[in-house]
Amino acid sequence: MKIAIGSDHAGFEYKEKVKGCLQELGHDIKDFGAFNTDPVDYPVYVRPVAEAVSQGEFERGIVLGGSGNGEAIVANKVRGIRCALCWNAESARLSREHNDANVLSLGQRMISEECALEIVKIWLQTTFAGGRHLRRIQQIE
């Protein structure tokens, strides 16, 4: 799967861990930055991830920050993006199964590294259930 990934300085460390996990799983990744822990403005790195997914260049996107809230807000401003802020395995599963989320947001300061990696794996493996959920997704768009 082609996956776009980006973070601000507060999500940089987890971004690097998630990239390693994605590479081990055989995914094709493009890192949109940030590339270190120097303070930056998250929209500069998150919006290009969301735009690349929206334009079909990537199947999914992952954005990270301190809480993940701002990153989710920025991503969701892009037409066609359904970004879910996930904090545990169940929220990740449901974001895909019920909401067909195409971008995942994670907060490095909110969850453990192990939890973040588990969320990523579940989020990538879970398929959209369709059915009554498809009607709701169509209403969003």
N, C-alpha and C. Protein backbone atom coordinates (compact mmCIF):
# COMPACT_ATOMS: atom_id res chain seq x y z
N MET A 1 0.84 -1.18 0.00
CA MET A 1 0.00 0.00 0.00
C MET A 1 0.89 1.24 0.00
N LYS A 2 0.47 2.27 -0.74
CA LYS A 2 1.19 3.54 -0.75
C LYS A 2 0.65 4.42 0.37
N ILE A 3 1.55 4.83 1.27
CA ILE A 3 1.15 5.57 2.46
C ILE A 3 1.98 6.85 2.58
N ALA A 4 1.29 7.97 2.76
CA ALA A 4 1.93 9.26 3.03
C ALA A 4 1.96 9.45 4.54
N ILE A 5 3.06 10.00 5.04
CA ILE A 5 3.18 10.20 6.48
C ILE A 5 3.81 11.57 6.75
N GLY A 6 3.35 12.20 7.83
CA GLY A 6 3.90 13.49 8.20
C GLY A 6 3.63 13.80 9.65
N SER A 7 4.46 14.67 10.20
CA SER A 7 4.30 15.05 11.61
C SER A 7 4.89 16.42 11.84
N ASP A 8 4.59 16.94 13.02
CA ASP A 8 5.33 18.12 13.48
C ASP A 8 6.45 17.61 14.38
N HIS A 9 7.11 18.53 15.07
CA HIS A 9 8.21 18.15 15.96
C HIS A 9 7.75 17.26 17.11
N ALA A 10 6.52 17.48 17.59
CA ALA A 10 6.02 16.73 18.74
C ALA A 10 5.63 15.30 18.39
N GLY A 11 5.48 15.00 17.11
CA GLY A 11 5.16 13.64 16.69
C GLY A 11 6.31 12.96 15.95
N PHE A 12 7.44 13.65 15.86
CA PHE A 12 8.56 13.16 15.07
C PHE A 12 9.06 11.78 15.50
N GLU A 13 9.24 11.58 16.79
CA GLU A 13 9.81 10.30 17.25
C GLU A 13 8.91 9.12 16.90
N TYR A 14 7.61 9.27 17.11
CA TYR A 14 6.69 8.19 16.75
C TYR A 14 6.61 8.03 15.23
N LYS A 15 6.71 9.13 14.51
CA LYS A 15 6.69 9.04 13.04
C LYS A 15 7.81 8.13 12.56
N GLU A 16 8.97 8.30 13.13
CA GLU A 16 10.11 7.48 12.74
C GLU A 16 9.87 6.01 13.09
N LYS A 17 9.26 5.75 14.23
CA LYS A 17 8.93 4.36 14.63
C LYS A 17 7.87 3.77 13.70
N VAL A 18 6.85 4.56 13.39
CA VAL A 18 5.79 4.09 12.50
C VAL A 18 6.36 3.82 11.11
N LYS A 19 7.25 4.67 10.62
CA LYS A 19 7.87 4.44 9.31
C LYS A 19 8.59 3.09 9.30
N GLY A 20 9.33 2.80 10.35
CA GLY A 20 10.03 1.52 10.43
C GLY A 20 9.07 0.35 10.39
N CYS A 21 7.97 0.46 11.12
CA CYS A 21 6.95 -0.57 11.14
C CYS A 21 6.34 -0.75 9.75
N LEU A 22 6.02 0.35 9.08
CA LEU A 22 5.42 0.28 7.75
C LEU A 22 6.38 -0.35 6.74
N GLN A 23 7.65 -0.02 6.85
CA GLN A 23 8.64 -0.60 5.95
C GLN A 23 8.76 -2.10 6.18
N GLU A 24 8.75 -2.53 7.44
CA GLU A 24 8.81 -3.96 7.77
C GLU A 24 7.60 -4.69 7.20
N LEU A 25 6.46 -4.02 7.15
CA LEU A 25 5.24 -4.63 6.62
C LEU A 25 5.18 -4.58 5.09
N GLY A 26 6.18 -3.95 4.46
CA GLY A 26 6.26 -3.93 3.01
C GLY A 26 5.52 -2.81 2.30
N HIS A 27 5.15 -1.75 3.03
CA HIS A 27 4.43 -0.64 2.43
C HIS A 27 5.39 0.35 1.77
N ASP A 28 4.88 1.05 0.78
CA ASP A 28 5.61 2.10 0.08
C ASP A 28 5.27 3.42 0.77
N ILE A 29 6.28 4.11 1.31
CA ILE A 29 6.06 5.27 2.17
C ILE A 29 6.72 6.51 1.59
N LYS A 30 6.03 7.65 1.74
CA LYS A 30 6.66 8.94 1.47
C LYS A 30 6.53 9.78 2.74
N ASP A 31 7.65 10.26 3.23
CA ASP A 31 7.71 11.09 4.43
C ASP A 31 7.67 12.55 4.01
N PHE A 32 6.63 13.26 4.44
CA PHE A 32 6.47 14.67 4.13
C PHE A 32 7.09 15.58 5.19
N GLY A 33 7.77 15.00 6.18
CA GLY A 33 8.40 15.77 7.25
C GLY A 33 7.48 15.85 8.45
N ALA A 34 7.90 16.48 9.48
CA ALA A 34 9.15 17.15 9.75
C ALA A 34 10.27 16.10 9.85
N PHE A 35 11.49 16.61 9.78
CA PHE A 35 12.62 15.70 9.73
C PHE A 35 13.51 15.76 10.96
N ASN A 36 13.05 16.44 11.99
CA ASN A 36 13.76 16.48 13.28
C ASN A 36 12.80 17.06 14.33
N THR A 37 13.29 17.27 15.53
CA THR A 37 12.45 17.75 16.62
C THR A 37 12.50 19.26 16.82
N ASP A 38 13.05 19.98 15.86
CA ASP A 38 13.03 21.45 15.93
C ASP A 38 11.58 21.91 15.79
N PRO A 39 11.14 22.87 16.61
CA PRO A 39 9.75 23.33 16.56
C PRO A 39 9.33 23.82 15.16
N VAL A 40 8.16 23.34 14.72
CA VAL A 40 7.60 23.70 13.42
C VAL A 40 6.09 23.85 13.56
N ASP A 41 5.45 24.38 12.54
CA ASP A 41 4.00 24.50 12.50
C ASP A 41 3.43 23.28 11.79
N TYR A 42 2.58 22.53 12.49
CA TYR A 42 2.08 21.26 11.95
C TYR A 42 1.32 21.37 10.63
N PRO A 43 0.57 22.44 10.34
CA PRO A 43 -0.13 22.47 9.06
C PRO A 43 0.80 22.36 7.84
N VAL A 44 2.02 22.84 7.99
CA VAL A 44 2.99 22.81 6.89
C VAL A 44 3.28 21.37 6.46
N TYR A 45 3.21 20.42 7.38
CA TYR A 45 3.55 19.03 7.10
C TYR A 45 2.31 18.13 6.95
N VAL A 46 1.24 18.50 7.61
CA VAL A 46 0.03 17.67 7.59
C VAL A 46 -0.80 17.90 6.33
N ARG A 47 -0.97 19.14 5.94
CA ARG A 47 -1.80 19.43 4.77
C ARG A 47 -1.29 18.73 3.51
N PRO A 48 0.02 18.73 3.23
CA PRO A 48 0.49 18.01 2.04
C PRO A 48 0.19 16.50 2.07
N VAL A 49 0.22 15.90 3.25
CA VAL A 49 -0.14 14.49 3.38
C VAL A 49 -1.60 14.30 2.97
N ALA A 50 -2.47 15.11 3.54
CA ALA A 50 -3.90 15.00 3.24
C ALA A 50 -4.18 15.29 1.77
N GLU A 51 -3.54 16.28 1.21
CA GLU A 51 -3.74 16.60 -0.20
C GLU A 51 -3.28 15.46 -1.11
N ALA A 52 -2.17 14.82 -0.76
CA ALA A 52 -1.67 13.71 -1.57
C ALA A 52 -2.63 12.52 -1.54
N VAL A 53 -3.24 12.28 -0.38
CA VAL A 53 -4.24 11.21 -0.29
C VAL A 53 -5.49 11.61 -1.07
N SER A 54 -5.94 12.83 -0.90
CA SER A 54 -7.13 13.32 -1.59
C SER A 54 -6.98 13.24 -3.11
N GLN A 55 -5.80 13.51 -3.60
CA GLN A 55 -5.54 13.50 -5.04
C GLN A 55 -5.28 12.10 -5.59
N GLY A 56 -5.27 11.10 -4.72
CA GLY A 56 -5.10 9.73 -5.16
C GLY A 56 -3.66 9.29 -5.34
N GLU A 57 -2.72 10.11 -4.95
CA GLU A 57 -1.31 9.74 -5.06
C GLU A 57 -0.95 8.64 -4.05
N PHE A 58 -1.68 8.61 -2.93
CA PHE A 58 -1.47 7.62 -1.88
C PHE A 58 -2.81 7.06 -1.46
N GLU A 59 -2.80 5.78 -1.05
CA GLU A 59 -4.04 5.15 -0.62
C GLU A 59 -4.46 5.62 0.78
N ARG A 60 -3.48 5.84 1.63
CA ARG A 60 -3.75 6.26 3.00
C ARG A 60 -2.69 7.24 3.47
N GLY A 61 -3.01 7.93 4.56
CA GLY A 61 -2.07 8.85 5.18
C GLY A 61 -2.06 8.68 6.68
N ILE A 62 -0.93 8.98 7.28
CA ILE A 62 -0.79 8.96 8.74
C ILE A 62 -0.13 10.26 9.15
N VAL A 63 -0.76 10.96 10.10
CA VAL A 63 -0.21 12.22 10.62
C VAL A 63 -0.07 12.12 12.12
N LEU A 64 0.96 12.76 12.63
CA LEU A 64 1.26 12.67 14.06
C LEU A 64 1.63 14.03 14.63
N GLY A 65 1.27 14.22 15.88
CA GLY A 65 1.63 15.43 16.60
C GLY A 65 1.66 15.14 18.08
N GLY A 66 1.62 16.18 18.88
CA GLY A 66 1.62 16.00 20.33
C GLY A 66 0.34 15.33 20.80
N SER A 67 -0.79 15.90 20.43
CA SER A 67 -2.09 15.31 20.79
C SER A 67 -2.76 14.63 19.61
N GLY A 68 -2.42 15.05 18.41
CA GLY A 68 -3.08 14.54 17.21
C GLY A 68 -4.32 15.33 16.84
N ASN A 69 -4.79 16.19 17.72
CA ASN A 69 -6.01 16.96 17.46
C ASN A 69 -5.85 17.96 16.33
N GLY A 70 -4.84 18.80 16.42
CA GLY A 70 -4.62 19.79 15.37
C GLY A 70 -4.37 19.15 14.03
N GLU A 71 -3.64 18.05 14.04
CA GLU A 71 -3.34 17.34 12.80
C GLU A 71 -4.62 16.82 12.15
N ALA A 72 -5.51 16.26 12.96
CA ALA A 72 -6.79 15.76 12.44
C ALA A 72 -7.63 16.90 11.88
N ILE A 73 -7.63 18.03 12.56
CA ILE A 73 -8.40 19.18 12.09
C ILE A 73 -7.89 19.66 10.74
N VAL A 74 -6.58 19.79 10.61
CA VAL A 74 -6.00 20.23 9.33
C VAL A 74 -6.33 19.24 8.22
N ALA A 75 -6.11 17.97 8.47
CA ALA A 75 -6.36 16.96 7.44
C ALA A 75 -7.82 16.97 7.00
N ASN A 76 -8.73 17.13 7.94
CA ASN A 76 -10.15 17.10 7.62
C ASN A 76 -10.64 18.34 6.88
N LYS A 77 -9.81 19.35 6.76
CA LYS A 77 -10.15 20.52 5.95
C LYS A 77 -9.99 20.25 4.46
N VAL A 78 -9.30 19.15 4.12
CA VAL A 78 -9.06 18.80 2.73
C VAL A 78 -10.21 17.95 2.21
N ARG A 79 -10.79 18.36 1.10
CA ARG A 79 -11.93 17.64 0.51
C ARG A 79 -11.58 16.17 0.26
N GLY A 80 -12.48 15.31 0.68
CA GLY A 80 -12.31 13.88 0.45
C GLY A 80 -11.54 13.15 1.55
N ILE A 81 -11.10 13.88 2.54
CA ILE A 81 -10.35 13.25 3.63
C ILE A 81 -11.28 12.97 4.79
N ARG A 82 -11.13 11.78 5.32
CA ARG A 82 -11.81 11.37 6.54
C ARG A 82 -10.71 10.94 7.50
N CYS A 83 -10.24 11.89 8.28
CA CYS A 83 -9.13 11.65 9.21
C CYS A 83 -9.69 11.33 10.58
N ALA A 84 -9.22 10.23 11.14
CA ALA A 84 -9.66 9.80 12.47
C ALA A 84 -8.52 9.90 13.46
N LEU A 85 -8.78 10.58 14.57
CA LEU A 85 -7.86 10.61 15.69
C LEU A 85 -8.12 9.35 16.52
N CYS A 86 -7.15 8.46 16.59
CA CYS A 86 -7.33 7.20 17.29
C CYS A 86 -6.44 7.12 18.52
N TRP A 87 -6.97 6.48 19.56
CA TRP A 87 -6.26 6.40 20.83
C TRP A 87 -6.17 4.98 21.38
N ASN A 88 -6.83 4.03 20.71
CA ASN A 88 -6.71 2.63 21.11
C ASN A 88 -7.09 1.74 19.92
N ALA A 89 -6.97 0.43 20.11
CA ALA A 89 -7.22 -0.52 19.03
C ALA A 89 -8.65 -0.42 18.51
N GLU A 90 -9.61 -0.30 19.41
CA GLU A 90 -11.01 -0.25 19.00
C GLU A 90 -11.34 1.00 18.20
N SER A 91 -10.81 2.14 18.61
CA SER A 91 -11.08 3.36 17.84
C SER A 91 -10.46 3.26 16.45
N ALA A 92 -9.32 2.60 16.34
CA ALA A 92 -8.69 2.40 15.03
C ALA A 92 -9.54 1.48 14.16
N ARG A 93 -10.00 0.38 14.72
CA ARG A 93 -10.80 -0.58 13.97
C ARG A 93 -12.09 0.08 13.47
N LEU A 94 -12.77 0.78 14.36
CA LEU A 94 -14.04 1.40 13.98
C LEU A 94 -13.86 2.55 12.98
N SER A 95 -12.75 3.25 13.06
CA SER A 95 -12.52 4.35 12.11
C SER A 95 -12.43 3.84 10.68
N ARG A 96 -11.96 2.63 10.52
CA ARG A 96 -11.89 2.03 9.19
C ARG A 96 -13.19 1.31 8.85
N GLU A 97 -13.66 0.48 9.77
CA GLU A 97 -14.83 -0.36 9.52
C GLU A 97 -16.10 0.46 9.28
N HIS A 98 -16.30 1.49 10.08
CA HIS A 98 -17.53 2.29 10.00
C HIS A 98 -17.37 3.59 9.23
N ASN A 99 -16.18 4.19 9.27
CA ASN A 99 -15.99 5.52 8.71
C ASN A 99 -15.10 5.57 7.48
N ASP A 100 -14.52 4.44 7.11
CA ASP A 100 -13.63 4.36 5.94
C ASP A 100 -12.58 5.47 6.01
N ALA A 101 -12.00 5.67 7.20
CA ALA A 101 -10.99 6.71 7.38
C ALA A 101 -9.81 6.46 6.44
N ASN A 102 -9.40 7.50 5.73
CA ASN A 102 -8.26 7.36 4.83
C ASN A 102 -7.01 8.05 5.37
N VAL A 103 -7.14 8.75 6.48
CA VAL A 103 -6.00 9.32 7.19
C VAL A 103 -6.17 9.03 8.67
N LEU A 104 -5.07 8.64 9.29
CA LEU A 104 -5.02 8.33 10.72
C LEU A 104 -4.21 9.41 11.41
N SER A 105 -4.71 9.90 12.53
CA SER A 105 -3.99 10.87 13.34
C SER A 105 -3.66 10.25 14.70
N LEU A 106 -2.42 10.45 15.13
CA LEU A 106 -1.95 9.91 16.42
C LEU A 106 -1.28 11.01 17.23
N GLY A 107 -1.45 10.95 18.54
CA GLY A 107 -0.82 11.90 19.45
C GLY A 107 0.28 11.25 20.25
N GLN A 108 1.51 11.64 19.98
CA GLN A 108 2.67 11.05 20.65
C GLN A 108 2.63 11.25 22.16
N ARG A 109 2.09 12.35 22.62
CA ARG A 109 2.05 12.64 24.05
C ARG A 109 0.87 11.99 24.76
N MET A 110 0.01 11.32 23.99
CA MET A 110 -1.23 10.78 24.54
C MET A 110 -1.23 9.26 24.72
N ILE A 111 -0.42 8.57 23.93
CA ILE A 111 -0.43 7.10 23.95
C ILE A 111 1.00 6.57 23.94
N SER A 112 1.14 5.32 24.36
CA SER A 112 2.47 4.70 24.36
C SER A 112 2.89 4.36 22.93
N GLU A 113 4.17 4.18 22.75
CA GLU A 113 4.69 3.78 21.45
C GLU A 113 4.08 2.44 21.01
N GLU A 114 3.98 1.51 21.95
CA GLU A 114 3.42 0.19 21.63
C GLU A 114 1.97 0.32 21.17
N CYS A 115 1.22 1.16 21.84
CA CYS A 115 -0.17 1.39 21.46
C CYS A 115 -0.25 2.02 20.07
N ALA A 116 0.61 2.99 19.79
CA ALA A 116 0.62 3.65 18.49
C ALA A 116 0.88 2.65 17.37
N LEU A 117 1.82 1.76 17.56
CA LEU A 117 2.15 0.78 16.53
C LEU A 117 1.02 -0.23 16.36
N GLU A 118 0.38 -0.60 17.46
CA GLU A 118 -0.78 -1.50 17.38
C GLU A 118 -1.91 -0.85 16.60
N ILE A 119 -2.17 0.42 16.89
CA ILE A 119 -3.21 1.17 16.19
C ILE A 119 -2.93 1.19 14.68
N VAL A 120 -1.70 1.48 14.31
CA VAL A 120 -1.33 1.54 12.90
C VAL A 120 -1.60 0.20 12.22
N LYS A 121 -1.18 -0.88 12.83
CA LYS A 121 -1.37 -2.20 12.23
C LYS A 121 -2.85 -2.54 12.06
N ILE A 122 -3.63 -2.29 13.09
CA ILE A 122 -5.07 -2.57 13.02
C ILE A 122 -5.73 -1.68 11.97
N TRP A 123 -5.38 -0.43 11.96
CA TRP A 123 -5.96 0.53 11.02
C TRP A 123 -5.67 0.13 9.57
N LEU A 124 -4.49 -0.37 9.32
CA LEU A 124 -4.14 -0.79 7.96
C LEU A 124 -4.81 -2.09 7.55
N GLN A 125 -5.06 -2.96 8.50
CA GLN A 125 -5.62 -4.28 8.20
C GLN A 125 -7.14 -4.28 8.11
N THR A 126 -7.79 -3.31 8.70
CA THR A 126 -9.25 -3.30 8.77
C THR A 126 -9.85 -2.76 7.49
N THR A 127 -10.84 -3.47 6.98
CA THR A 127 -11.53 -3.03 5.77
C THR A 127 -12.83 -2.30 6.13
N PHE A 128 -13.29 -1.52 5.19
CA PHE A 128 -14.55 -0.79 5.35
C PHE A 128 -15.71 -1.76 5.22
N ALA A 129 -16.66 -1.70 6.13
CA ALA A 129 -17.79 -2.63 6.15
C ALA A 129 -18.83 -2.32 5.10
N GLY A 130 -18.88 -1.09 4.62
CA GLY A 130 -19.90 -0.73 3.63
C GLY A 130 -21.28 -0.75 4.24
N GLY A 131 -22.28 -1.23 3.49
CA GLY A 131 -23.65 -1.33 3.99
C GLY A 131 -24.18 0.00 4.46
N ARG A 132 -24.79 0.00 5.63
CA ARG A 132 -25.38 1.23 6.17
C ARG A 132 -24.33 2.32 6.36
N HIS A 133 -23.07 1.93 6.54
CA HIS A 133 -21.99 2.90 6.74
C HIS A 133 -21.68 3.65 5.44
N LEU A 134 -21.82 2.99 4.31
CA LEU A 134 -21.58 3.64 3.02
C LEU A 134 -22.55 4.80 2.81
N ARG A 135 -23.80 4.58 3.15
CA ARG A 135 -24.81 5.65 3.02
C ARG A 135 -24.39 6.86 3.85
N ARG A 136 -23.88 6.62 5.02
CA ARG A 136 -23.47 7.73 5.90
C ARG A 136 -22.24 8.45 5.36
N ILE A 137 -21.31 7.70 4.82
CA ILE A 137 -20.11 8.32 4.22
C ILE A 137 -20.53 9.19 3.04
N GLN A 138 -21.47 8.70 2.24
CA GLN A 138 -21.95 9.48 1.10
C GLN A 138 -22.63 10.77 1.55
N GLN A 139 -23.28 10.76 2.69
CA GLN A 139 -23.92 11.95 3.23
C GLN A 139 -22.87 12.99 3.67
N ILE A 140 -21.72 12.54 4.10
CA ILE A 140 -20.64 13.45 4.50
C ILE A 140 -20.15 14.21 3.27
N GLU A 141 -19.96 13.47 2.20
CA GLU A 141 -19.40 14.06 0.97
C GLU A 141 -20.43 14.89 0.26
